Amino acid sequence: TEYFALVGSFLLVGLEAIIRVLTLALPAASSIRDAADFVELCRVWGYEAEEHIVQTKDGFLLGVHRLQWRRGEESQAVNSGPGSIKKRVAYLHHGLLMNSEVWVCMTDEQRCLPFKLVERGFDVWLGNNRGNKYSKKSIHASPTSVEFWDFSIDEFAFHDIPNTIEYILDTTQQASLSYIGFSQGTAQAFATLAIHPTLNQKVNVFIALAPAMAPAGLSNGVVDSLIKASPQVLFLLFGRRSILSSATMWETLLYPPLFCRLIDMGLSFLFNWDTANISASQKLAAYPHLYSFTSTKSVVHWFQIIRNKSFQMYDDDVYQPMSVTSPHKFSKVAKYPTRNIRTPVVLIYGGSDSLVDIRAMLRELPAQTVATEIPHYEHLDFLWARDVDRQVFQHVFDALDSFTDATHSKEEYDRYYAVRHHSLVGSARPTPSALGIVTDRVGSSSPGDPPHPPSSPDPQIRQHIAREQIARLIRDRQASFDSLSHPSSDTDDVPATTTAVAAVAAEPSSTEPLVIS
């Protein structure tokens, strides 16, 4: 046995030498692809990042990254008490099988959302889910144990997201933050805000990029079979610890262009994406940072959501295959009450994203939800598309400017929030006509259904309309602040928007979300 092991070792060494000779003329790996971690990725572009640890109430230790300084601003104190620079706070969260690196592994600084937010004066935080590269630690269990990996989306919603938000607000001494999620990072926020009412006042706006709630069934037969399989079969196939943990090994062994090609083939096979909006150089830089660990149970949870077409909590029941009665006759899995969300929600989704069923999603969200479509965009384009800065970022900035402001006192903000609560939340929100918004709707819909998208085929016209609508919201918001700072005697110190709100409240309320395409 030792002889064969020795011969095998020599063969591997010789094979490695041959590969090195054959690849001498190939392009060198980029600094982005070779960066070891989040901090190193940021340093490539001249930004310094901090690392923080959040301990959840159930004992997991989550790695959180902070970008608080513009370049050259590193000596300044930010959001740390008297004498420090006061900045608005933004919290970004990644998707399934990812970590915080996916936000910053860019080949172009202008297309990096965290860097652009820092330059716009935000204190930027980037979270990580339990189990991934930066959060593989617990005070109760070892990552080699099954107990460590016994978590689903429920644990993200009950612990990871709320505990991270509380830590960020305590550290920055701010009353609220803006949440920007991608893919599963949006689902975690939907669930968190639905079951934690007090957090709705601590999140001033929730911006959902490529939002995920109850994805449409996938057309691939293999995936469809897995979705319909029982949890026991899935655990037998993938184990009860981390799922697809060998992916990191293949990323190390394979030549980078071949690895990228395999990823593209997998995305096409599973989701019918062609990834044409992402450049080859961006794929070479980003795909090595794409995968991170998560539990098999969290993927099984997604399969349950897709199978039942319901954004529900994890179903622990094991259905008897020979049962003659419906499994739902005596029990029903609780759904996340997403219509209870009171934080303003802005959805930005892709027209070619097979994982987003926007009409089904809007039915489950509050009436004030705003949805914006980016034509021809697929799921990963919201992270790495060659034109993501032009197609997506302005929508994000407009939403942030509409609902956050660092120049007013807490008292002014609290007073304005009360007005905003009545005007943008629940049945008293202004109708599109009251906001000066003209909607073009095709066909008819039943009460409670989302509106049909506008009929204009020109994406530039649709984007212009969206910007105009958000601009009106910004102007209305500023007018509200001005009225609070300089009340008029003939209105008995009532903010200017209150009159409009009262008039709208007297009318029958609209239950349709506002859709901007």
Protein backbone atom coordinates (compact mmCIF):
# COMPACT_ATOMS: atom_id res chain seq x y z
CA THR A 1 0.00 0.00 0.00
CA GLU A 2 2.81 2.42 0.89
CA TYR A 3 4.54 1.60 -2.41
CA PHE A 4 1.45 2.49 -4.45
CA ALA A 5 0.97 5.68 -2.43
CA LEU A 6 4.57 6.72 -3.14
CA VAL A 7 4.22 6.03 -6.87
CA GLY A 8 0.95 7.95 -6.92
CA SER A 9 2.59 10.94 -5.25
CA PHE A 10 5.37 11.02 -7.87
CA LEU A 11 2.80 10.83 -10.66
CA LEU A 12 0.85 13.77 -9.22
CA VAL A 13 4.02 15.87 -8.87
CA GLY A 14 4.98 15.08 -12.46
CA LEU A 15 1.48 15.93 -13.69
CA GLU A 16 1.61 19.27 -11.88
CA ALA A 17 4.97 20.09 -13.52
CA ILE A 18 3.59 19.28 -16.97
CA ILE A 19 0.54 21.50 -16.40
CA ARG A 20 2.76 24.38 -15.29
CA VAL A 21 4.86 24.12 -18.46
CA LEU A 22 1.79 23.95 -20.69
CA THR A 23 0.20 27.00 -19.06
CA LEU A 24 3.23 29.32 -19.07
CA ALA A 25 1.84 31.26 -22.02
CA LEU A 26 -1.62 31.64 -20.50
CA PRO A 27 -2.69 34.93 -18.91
CA ALA A 28 -1.83 35.41 -15.24
CA ALA A 29 -4.61 35.20 -12.67
CA SER A 30 -6.08 38.56 -11.82
CA SER A 31 -5.61 40.15 -8.43
CA ILE A 32 -9.38 40.02 -7.93
CA ARG A 33 -9.57 36.29 -8.57
CA ASP A 34 -6.58 35.57 -6.33
CA ALA A 35 -7.71 37.78 -3.43
CA ALA A 36 -8.03 35.61 -0.34
CA ASP A 37 -10.84 37.41 1.45
CA PHE A 38 -13.11 40.44 1.61
CA VAL A 39 -10.52 42.77 3.13
CA GLU A 40 -7.98 41.92 0.43
CA LEU A 41 -10.54 42.46 -2.32
CA CYS A 42 -11.27 45.95 -0.99
CA ARG A 43 -7.57 46.80 -0.75
CA VAL A 44 -7.18 46.07 -4.45
CA TRP A 45 -9.28 49.21 -5.00
CA GLY A 46 -7.76 51.24 -2.18
CA TYR A 47 -10.51 50.80 0.43
CA GLU A 48 -9.95 49.70 4.01
CA ALA A 49 -12.51 47.33 5.53
CA GLU A 50 -13.20 46.40 9.13
CA GLU A 51 -14.16 42.95 10.35
CA HIS A 52 -16.76 42.53 13.10
CA ILE A 53 -18.23 39.49 14.86
CA VAL A 54 -21.94 39.27 15.70
CA GLN A 55 -23.01 36.64 18.22
CA THR A 56 -26.57 35.51 17.59
CA LYS A 57 -28.90 34.67 20.44
CA ASP A 58 -28.56 30.98 19.62
CA GLY A 59 -24.77 31.08 19.75
CA PHE A 60 -23.56 31.43 16.15
CA LEU A 61 -20.70 33.83 15.42
CA LEU A 62 -21.28 35.79 12.21
CA GLY A 63 -18.59 37.67 10.35
CA VAL A 64 -19.68 41.16 9.28
CA HIS A 65 -17.67 43.59 7.16
CA ARG A 66 -17.73 47.36 7.33
CA LEU A 67 -16.73 49.99 4.76
CA GLN A 68 -16.99 53.33 6.50
CA TRP A 69 -14.27 55.44 4.89
CA ARG A 70 -13.78 57.02 1.54
CA ARG A 71 -10.21 56.70 0.34
CA GLY A 72 -8.04 59.05 2.37
CA GLU A 73 -10.65 59.29 5.12
CA GLU A 74 -9.26 56.44 7.24
CA SER A 75 -8.17 58.65 10.13
CA GLN A 76 -11.70 59.98 10.67
CA ALA A 77 -14.11 58.57 13.26
CA VAL A 78 -17.47 57.62 11.75
CA ASN A 79 -20.74 57.18 13.66
CA SER A 80 -18.92 56.79 16.97
CA GLY A 81 -20.30 59.57 19.11
CA PRO A 82 -19.59 63.31 19.53
CA GLY A 83 -17.02 64.69 17.13
CA SER A 84 -17.34 61.82 14.65
CA ILE A 85 -18.66 62.03 11.10
CA LYS A 86 -22.36 61.19 10.95
CA LYS A 87 -23.25 58.99 8.01
CA ARG A 88 -26.33 57.15 6.84
CA VAL A 89 -26.05 53.38 7.32
CA ALA A 90 -26.58 50.79 4.58
CA TYR A 91 -26.62 47.04 5.20
CA LEU A 92 -26.07 44.69 2.23
CA HIS A 93 -26.76 40.96 2.35
CA HIS A 94 -25.82 38.23 -0.13
CA GLY A 95 -27.78 35.36 -1.67
CA LEU A 96 -27.89 31.58 -1.38
CA LEU A 97 -24.53 29.75 -1.34
CA MET A 98 -22.68 33.08 -1.23
CA ASN A 99 -20.82 35.39 1.12
CA SER A 100 -20.06 39.11 1.29
CA GLU A 101 -17.27 38.84 -1.31
CA VAL A 102 -19.78 38.72 -4.17
CA TRP A 103 -20.46 42.45 -3.71
CA VAL A 104 -16.83 43.57 -4.19
CA CYS A 105 -15.17 41.06 -6.59
CA MET A 106 -15.51 43.50 -9.48
CA THR A 107 -13.17 44.20 -12.39
CA ASP A 108 -14.41 47.79 -12.51
CA GLU A 109 -14.71 50.03 -9.46
CA GLN A 110 -17.61 51.96 -10.99
CA ARG A 111 -19.76 48.82 -10.99
CA CYS A 112 -19.18 48.03 -7.32
CA LEU A 113 -22.28 49.05 -5.34
CA PRO A 114 -20.61 49.09 -1.87
CA PHE A 115 -17.84 51.38 -3.13
CA LYS A 116 -20.31 53.73 -4.79
CA LEU A 117 -22.35 53.88 -1.57
CA VAL A 118 -19.22 54.71 0.43
CA GLU A 119 -18.38 57.52 -1.99
CA ARG A 120 -21.94 58.84 -1.59
CA GLY A 121 -21.38 59.16 2.14
CA PHE A 122 -22.79 55.90 3.52
CA ASP A 123 -21.46 53.76 6.34
CA VAL A 124 -21.69 50.41 4.54
CA TRP A 125 -22.03 47.04 6.28
CA LEU A 126 -22.05 43.64 4.58
CA GLY A 127 -23.50 40.62 6.38
CA ASN A 128 -22.86 36.89 6.20
CA ASN A 129 -25.11 33.91 6.90
CA ARG A 130 -24.25 31.27 9.46
CA GLY A 131 -22.23 28.43 7.99
CA ASN A 132 -20.51 30.36 5.21
CA LYS A 133 -16.82 31.22 4.91
CA TYR A 134 -16.98 34.03 7.48
CA SER A 135 -19.52 32.52 9.89
CA LYS A 136 -18.41 28.92 10.39
CA LYS A 137 -18.33 29.09 14.18
CA SER A 138 -20.72 28.43 17.05
CA ILE A 139 -20.25 28.42 20.82
CA HIS A 140 -22.47 25.32 21.07
CA ALA A 141 -21.48 23.04 18.18
CA SER A 142 -18.56 22.20 15.92
CA PRO A 143 -18.89 22.71 12.14
CA THR A 144 -18.05 19.02 11.78
CA SER A 145 -21.25 18.08 13.61
CA VAL A 146 -24.74 17.60 12.20
CA GLU A 147 -26.08 19.88 14.94
CA PHE A 148 -24.13 22.86 13.57
CA TRP A 149 -25.79 22.54 10.15
CA ASP A 150 -29.32 22.08 11.45
CA PHE A 151 -30.61 25.43 10.19
CA SER A 152 -32.89 26.75 7.47
CA ILE A 153 -34.20 30.13 6.33
CA ASP A 154 -36.09 30.27 9.63
CA GLU A 155 -32.86 30.68 11.59
CA PHE A 156 -31.71 33.42 9.22
CA ALA A 157 -34.96 35.27 9.89
CA PHE A 158 -35.23 34.66 13.63
CA HIS A 159 -31.58 35.26 14.48
CA ASP A 160 -29.01 36.18 11.81
CA ILE A 161 -30.65 39.21 10.20
CA PRO A 162 -32.27 40.79 13.31
CA ASN A 163 -29.19 40.24 15.49
CA THR A 164 -26.94 41.73 12.80
CA ILE A 165 -29.21 44.77 12.41
CA GLU A 166 -29.21 45.35 16.17
CA TYR A 167 -25.41 45.07 16.29
CA ILE A 168 -24.96 47.55 13.43
CA LEU A 169 -27.34 50.10 14.96
CA ASP A 170 -25.72 49.75 18.40
CA THR A 171 -22.24 50.20 16.91
CA THR A 172 -23.14 53.18 14.72
CA GLN A 173 -25.46 54.77 17.30
CA GLN A 174 -28.06 55.29 14.59
CA ALA A 175 -31.83 54.91 14.84
CA SER A 176 -32.30 53.12 11.52
CA LEU A 177 -30.52 51.70 8.50
CA SER A 178 -31.25 50.90 4.85
CA TYR A 179 -31.32 47.23 3.86
CA ILE A 180 -30.19 46.13 0.39
CA GLY A 181 -30.56 42.43 -0.29
CA PHE A 182 -29.78 40.19 -3.24
CA SER A 183 -31.72 37.00 -4.02
CA GLN A 184 -32.03 34.95 -0.81
CA GLY A 185 -30.84 38.03 1.06
CA THR A 186 -34.19 39.58 0.11
CA ALA A 187 -36.14 36.51 1.24
CA GLN A 188 -34.41 36.66 4.62
CA ALA A 189 -35.43 40.31 4.97
CA PHE A 190 -39.03 39.61 3.92
CA ALA A 191 -39.23 36.92 6.60
CA THR A 192 -37.44 39.01 9.23
CA LEU A 193 -39.58 42.11 8.80
CA ALA A 194 -42.74 39.99 8.73
CA ILE A 195 -42.11 38.38 12.14
CA HIS A 196 -40.29 41.23 13.92
CA PRO A 197 -42.67 44.24 13.93
CA THR A 198 -40.30 46.50 15.87
CA LEU A 199 -37.57 46.06 13.25
CA ASN A 200 -39.78 47.79 10.68
CA GLN A 201 -39.06 51.11 12.39
CA LYS A 202 -35.32 50.36 12.36
CA VAL A 203 -35.17 49.70 8.62
CA ASN A 204 -36.04 52.91 6.77
CA VAL A 205 -36.16 51.26 3.34
CA PHE A 206 -35.77 47.73 2.01
CA ILE A 207 -34.33 47.53 -1.51
CA ALA A 208 -34.66 44.03 -2.99
CA LEU A 209 -32.38 43.20 -5.94
CA ALA A 210 -33.48 40.09 -7.87
CA PRO A 211 -36.03 39.46 -5.10
CA ALA A 212 -36.82 35.91 -4.04
CA MET A 213 -39.91 34.82 -2.16
CA ALA A 214 -41.66 31.87 -3.83
CA PRO A 215 -39.77 31.22 -7.09
CA ALA A 216 -41.64 29.73 -10.00
CA GLY A 217 -41.16 26.02 -10.62
CA LEU A 218 -38.04 25.30 -12.64
CA SER A 219 -38.42 23.74 -16.08
CA ASN A 220 -35.46 21.40 -15.63
CA GLY A 221 -36.68 17.83 -15.07
CA VAL A 222 -33.88 16.84 -12.70
CA VAL A 223 -34.43 19.85 -10.46
CA ASP A 224 -38.18 19.36 -10.60
CA SER A 225 -37.73 15.80 -9.36
CA LEU A 226 -35.57 16.99 -6.48
CA ILE A 227 -38.15 19.63 -5.56
CA LYS A 228 -40.87 16.97 -5.38
CA ALA A 229 -38.71 14.56 -3.38
CA SER A 230 -39.17 14.15 0.36
CA PRO A 231 -36.62 15.74 2.73
CA GLN A 232 -35.37 12.26 3.66
CA VAL A 233 -34.40 11.53 0.05
CA LEU A 234 -32.63 14.89 -0.25
CA PHE A 235 -30.73 14.39 2.99
CA LEU A 236 -29.73 10.93 1.76
CA LEU A 237 -28.39 12.43 -1.48
CA PHE A 238 -26.65 15.51 -0.08
CA GLY A 239 -26.06 14.67 3.58
CA ARG A 240 -27.15 16.62 6.64
CA ARG A 241 -24.23 19.02 6.82
CA SER A 242 -23.11 21.53 4.17
CA ILE A 243 -24.30 21.06 0.61
CA LEU A 244 -21.98 20.83 -2.43
CA SER A 245 -18.91 21.36 -0.26
CA SER A 246 -16.70 19.88 -3.02
CA ALA A 247 -17.30 22.98 -5.18
CA THR A 248 -14.34 24.75 -3.57
CA MET A 249 -12.09 21.81 -4.46
CA TRP A 250 -13.06 21.95 -8.14
CA GLU A 251 -12.48 25.70 -8.19
CA THR A 252 -8.93 25.04 -6.97
CA LEU A 253 -8.17 22.16 -9.35
CA LEU A 254 -9.65 23.38 -12.62
CA TYR A 255 -8.12 25.90 -14.98
CA PRO A 256 -10.10 29.16 -14.42
CA PRO A 257 -11.66 29.48 -17.92
CA LEU A 258 -12.76 25.84 -17.73
CA PHE A 259 -14.22 26.39 -14.26
CA CYS A 260 -16.15 29.43 -15.55
CA ARG A 261 -17.40 27.42 -18.50
CA LEU A 262 -18.70 24.71 -16.17
CA ILE A 263 -20.48 27.32 -14.04
CA ASP A 264 -22.12 28.83 -17.14
CA MET A 265 -23.23 25.38 -18.29
CA GLY A 266 -24.69 24.67 -14.87
CA LEU A 267 -26.61 27.96 -14.79
CA SER A 268 -27.96 27.31 -18.28
CA PHE A 269 -28.97 23.75 -17.38
CA LEU A 270 -30.65 24.66 -14.10
CA PHE A 271 -32.17 28.08 -14.77
CA ASN A 272 -31.91 28.65 -18.55
CA TRP A 273 -29.64 31.70 -18.06
CA ASP A 274 -27.15 32.61 -20.77
CA THR A 275 -25.16 35.10 -18.59
CA ALA A 276 -24.57 37.18 -21.73
CA ASN A 277 -24.71 40.44 -19.75
CA ILE A 278 -21.62 39.48 -17.72
CA SER A 279 -18.25 39.89 -19.43
CA ALA A 280 -15.77 37.01 -19.66
CA SER A 281 -13.21 38.92 -17.58
CA GLN A 282 -15.80 39.56 -14.86
CA LYS A 283 -16.66 35.86 -14.75
CA LEU A 284 -12.98 34.95 -14.38
CA ALA A 285 -12.71 37.37 -11.47
CA ALA A 286 -16.04 36.69 -9.74
CA TYR A 287 -16.86 33.00 -10.18
CA PRO A 288 -14.05 31.87 -7.82
CA HIS A 289 -15.78 33.98 -5.13
CA LEU A 290 -19.29 32.79 -6.02
CA TYR A 291 -19.66 29.72 -3.84
CA SER A 292 -19.74 29.55 -0.05
CA PHE A 293 -21.10 26.99 2.38
CA THR A 294 -24.66 26.60 3.57
CA SER A 295 -26.73 23.79 5.02
CA THR A 296 -28.54 21.15 3.04
CA LYS A 297 -31.56 21.94 5.19
CA SER A 298 -31.74 25.53 3.89
CA VAL A 299 -31.83 24.24 0.29
CA VAL A 300 -34.50 21.69 1.26
CA HIS A 301 -36.45 24.61 2.72
CA TRP A 302 -36.38 26.34 -0.68
CA PHE A 303 -37.60 23.15 -2.35
CA GLN A 304 -40.55 23.09 0.06
CA ILE A 305 -41.36 26.72 -0.74
CA ILE A 306 -41.25 26.09 -4.49
CA ARG A 307 -43.24 22.85 -4.26
CA ASN A 308 -46.00 24.38 -2.14
CA LYS A 309 -45.90 27.77 -3.91
CA SER A 310 -45.93 29.39 -0.49
CA PHE A 311 -43.37 31.51 1.38
CA GLN A 312 -43.59 29.31 4.43
CA MET A 313 -41.53 28.24 7.40
CA TYR A 314 -39.62 24.98 7.31
CA ASP A 315 -41.85 21.89 7.42
CA ASP A 316 -40.47 19.35 9.88
CA ASP A 317 -43.31 16.87 9.36
CA VAL A 318 -42.58 13.67 7.49
CA TYR A 319 -45.58 12.68 5.40
CA GLN A 320 -46.52 9.02 5.36
CA PRO A 321 -46.38 7.76 1.76
CA MET A 322 -49.37 5.46 2.30
CA SER A 323 -51.58 8.06 3.98
CA VAL A 324 -55.13 8.12 2.61
CA THR A 325 -55.82 11.67 3.82
CA SER A 326 -54.32 14.96 2.80
CA PRO A 327 -51.28 15.89 4.91
CA HIS A 328 -52.78 19.37 5.28
CA LYS A 329 -56.00 18.13 6.83
CA PHE A 330 -54.69 18.13 10.40
CA SER A 331 -51.76 20.56 10.17
CA LYS A 332 -50.60 23.44 8.03
CA VAL A 333 -47.16 25.00 7.91
CA ALA A 334 -47.13 28.65 8.95
CA LYS A 335 -46.54 31.21 6.20
CA TYR A 336 -44.46 34.30 6.77
CA PRO A 337 -47.01 37.16 7.13
CA THR A 338 -45.28 39.41 4.62
CA ARG A 339 -48.27 41.71 4.20
CA ASN A 340 -47.56 42.91 7.75
CA ILE A 341 -44.32 44.56 6.62
CA ARG A 342 -44.39 48.31 7.26
CA THR A 343 -40.95 49.21 5.97
CA PRO A 344 -41.11 50.77 2.46
CA VAL A 345 -40.20 48.03 -0.04
CA VAL A 346 -38.60 48.67 -3.44
CA LEU A 347 -38.29 45.66 -5.75
CA ILE A 348 -35.81 45.78 -8.65
CA TYR A 349 -36.08 42.65 -10.77
CA GLY A 350 -34.92 41.32 -14.13
CA GLY A 351 -37.19 40.80 -17.09
CA SER A 352 -35.35 37.56 -17.96
CA ASP A 353 -34.97 36.22 -14.43
CA SER A 354 -36.59 32.78 -14.28
CA LEU A 355 -36.50 32.78 -10.46
CA VAL A 356 -38.73 35.84 -10.04
CA ASP A 357 -42.51 35.62 -10.33
CA ILE A 358 -43.21 39.30 -9.76
CA ARG A 359 -47.01 39.07 -9.95
CA ALA A 360 -47.17 36.31 -7.34
CA MET A 361 -44.72 38.23 -5.16
CA LEU A 362 -46.69 41.46 -5.27
CA ARG A 363 -49.82 39.63 -4.13
CA GLU A 364 -48.02 38.75 -0.90
CA LEU A 365 -46.55 42.19 -0.21
CA PRO A 366 -48.08 45.40 1.17
CA ALA A 367 -49.94 47.71 -1.18
CA GLN A 368 -47.25 50.40 -1.08
CA THR A 369 -44.61 48.14 -2.66
CA VAL A 370 -42.80 49.66 -5.65
CA ALA A 371 -41.52 47.32 -8.39
CA THR A 372 -39.10 48.26 -11.16
CA GLU A 373 -38.19 45.94 -14.03
CA ILE A 374 -34.76 45.94 -15.69
CA PRO A 375 -35.40 44.50 -19.18
CA HIS A 376 -33.30 41.50 -20.28
CA TYR A 377 -31.61 41.16 -16.89
CA GLU A 378 -31.06 37.74 -15.33
CA HIS A 379 -30.43 36.90 -11.68
CA LEU A 380 -26.66 37.36 -11.39
CA ASP A 381 -26.70 40.48 -13.57
CA PHE A 382 -27.67 42.52 -10.50
CA LEU A 383 -24.23 41.75 -9.11
CA TRP A 384 -21.90 41.63 -12.10
CA ALA A 385 -23.50 42.84 -15.37
CA ARG A 386 -21.29 45.04 -17.49
CA ASP A 387 -23.85 47.88 -17.29
CA VAL A 388 -25.19 47.31 -13.76
CA ASP A 389 -24.07 50.79 -12.72
CA ARG A 390 -26.21 52.39 -15.43
CA GLN A 391 -29.20 50.05 -15.26
CA VAL A 392 -29.57 49.44 -11.51
CA PHE A 393 -27.59 51.82 -9.32
CA GLN A 394 -29.68 54.94 -9.98
CA HIS A 395 -32.82 53.13 -8.86
CA VAL A 396 -31.02 52.16 -5.65
CA PHE A 397 -29.74 55.69 -5.04
CA ASP A 398 -33.17 57.22 -5.70
CA ALA A 399 -34.81 54.87 -3.21
CA LEU A 400 -32.15 55.59 -0.59
CA ASP A 401 -32.49 59.34 -1.05
CA SER A 402 -36.27 59.06 -0.82
CA PHE A 403 -36.31 57.40 2.58
CA THR A 404 -33.07 58.36 4.32
CA ASP A 405 -31.61 61.70 5.32
CA ALA A 406 -28.62 62.48 7.52
CA THR A 407 -29.05 66.27 7.65
CA HIS A 408 -32.10 66.42 9.92
CA SER A 409 -32.35 65.84 13.64
CA LYS A 410 -33.83 62.70 15.13
CA GLU A 411 -36.87 64.68 16.29
CA GLU A 412 -37.51 65.94 12.78
CA TYR A 413 -37.03 62.47 11.37
CA ASP A 414 -39.43 60.93 13.91
CA ARG A 415 -42.08 63.54 13.10
CA TYR A 416 -41.62 63.03 9.40
CA TYR A 417 -41.70 59.25 9.80
CA ALA A 418 -45.16 59.52 11.33
CA VAL A 419 -46.36 61.39 8.25
CA ARG A 420 -44.60 58.95 5.96
CA HIS A 421 -46.16 56.06 7.84
CA HIS A 422 -49.64 57.35 7.05
CA SER A 423 -48.85 58.35 3.48
CA LEU A 424 -46.91 55.31 2.31
CA VAL A 425 -48.12 52.48 4.52
CA GLY A 426 -51.50 50.80 4.66
CA SER A 427 -54.79 52.03 3.31
CA ALA A 428 -54.00 55.74 3.66
CA ARG A 429 -51.20 55.81 1.10
CA PRO A 430 -51.70 58.29 -1.77
CA THR A 431 -52.99 56.81 -4.99
CA PRO A 432 -50.74 57.05 -8.07
CA SER A 433 -52.84 59.96 -9.34
CA ALA A 434 -52.40 61.81 -6.03
CA LEU A 435 -48.65 61.50 -6.48
CA GLY A 436 -48.88 62.80 -10.02
CA ILE A 437 -48.06 59.39 -11.46
CA VAL A 438 -49.67 58.34 -14.70
CA THR A 439 -49.96 54.59 -15.06
CA ASP A 440 -50.57 52.78 -18.32
CA ARG A 441 -52.37 49.55 -17.57
CA VAL A 442 -53.40 46.97 -20.11
CA GLY A 443 -56.41 44.75 -19.49
CA SER A 444 -58.26 44.38 -16.22
CA SER A 445 -57.45 42.72 -12.95
CA SER A 446 -59.46 41.47 -10.05
CA PRO A 447 -59.25 43.18 -6.66
CA GLY A 448 -55.97 42.45 -4.94
CA ASP A 449 -54.17 41.44 -8.13
CA PRO A 450 -51.09 43.43 -9.14
CA PRO A 451 -51.48 45.74 -12.11
CA HIS A 452 -50.42 44.75 -15.56
CA PRO A 453 -47.09 46.27 -16.61
CA PRO A 454 -47.10 49.40 -18.77
CA SER A 455 -47.40 48.81 -22.46
CA SER A 456 -44.50 51.05 -23.49
CA PRO A 457 -41.92 48.85 -25.23
CA ASP A 458 -39.08 51.36 -24.89
CA PRO A 459 -36.87 50.60 -21.85
CA GLN A 460 -35.48 54.14 -21.83
CA ILE A 461 -38.99 55.59 -21.58
CA ARG A 462 -39.85 53.23 -18.72
CA GLN A 463 -36.66 54.13 -16.85
CA HIS A 464 -37.36 57.84 -17.37
CA ILE A 465 -40.88 57.41 -15.94
CA ALA A 466 -39.47 55.55 -12.94
CA ARG A 467 -36.93 58.30 -12.26
CA GLU A 468 -39.63 60.97 -12.54
CA GLN A 469 -41.85 59.13 -10.06
CA ILE A 470 -39.06 58.72 -7.52
CA ALA A 471 -38.06 62.36 -8.05
CA ARG A 472 -41.61 63.43 -7.15
CA LEU A 473 -41.42 61.33 -3.98
CA ILE A 474 -38.13 63.03 -3.10
CA ARG A 475 -39.60 66.50 -3.67
CA ASP A 476 -42.66 65.64 -1.57
CA ARG A 477 -40.38 64.35 1.16
CA GLN A 478 -38.28 67.51 1.17
CA ALA A 479 -41.43 69.63 1.25
CA SER A 480 -42.56 67.68 4.28
CA PHE A 481 -39.27 68.38 6.04
CA ASP A 482 -39.47 72.06 5.14
CA SER A 483 -42.96 72.29 6.56
CA LEU A 484 -41.77 70.68 9.77
CA SER A 485 -38.90 73.15 10.08
CA HIS A 486 -41.00 76.22 9.15
CA PRO A 487 -44.63 75.56 10.11
CA SER A 488 -47.27 77.92 8.83
CA SER A 489 -49.57 79.57 11.35
CA ASP A 490 -52.68 79.21 9.20
CA THR A 491 -52.35 75.41 9.12
CA ASP A 492 -51.90 74.98 12.86
CA ASP A 493 -48.41 73.49 12.48
CA VAL A 494 -49.68 70.58 10.40
CA PRO A 495 -47.16 69.35 7.78
CA ALA A 496 -48.09 70.13 4.21
CA THR A 497 -48.47 66.48 3.27
CA THR A 498 -51.00 65.80 6.02
CA THR A 499 -53.79 67.56 4.12
CA ALA A 500 -53.18 65.41 1.08
CA VAL A 501 -53.01 62.31 3.24
CA ALA A 502 -56.30 63.14 4.93
CA ALA A 503 -57.97 63.68 1.58
CA VAL A 504 -56.68 60.39 0.27
CA ALA A 505 -57.66 58.58 3.45
CA ALA A 506 -61.26 59.66 2.90
CA GLU A 507 -61.31 57.92 -0.48
CA PRO A 508 -61.59 54.17 -1.02
CA SER A 509 -58.08 52.81 -0.66
CA SER A 510 -56.24 51.07 -3.46
CA THR A 511 -54.97 47.60 -2.76
CA GLU A 512 -52.75 47.44 -5.82
CA PRO A 513 -48.99 47.87 -5.45
CA LEU A 514 -47.33 50.59 -7.45
CA VAL A 515 -45.47 49.03 -10.35
CA ILE A 516 -42.82 50.93 -12.26
CA SER A 517 -41.59 49.05 -15.31
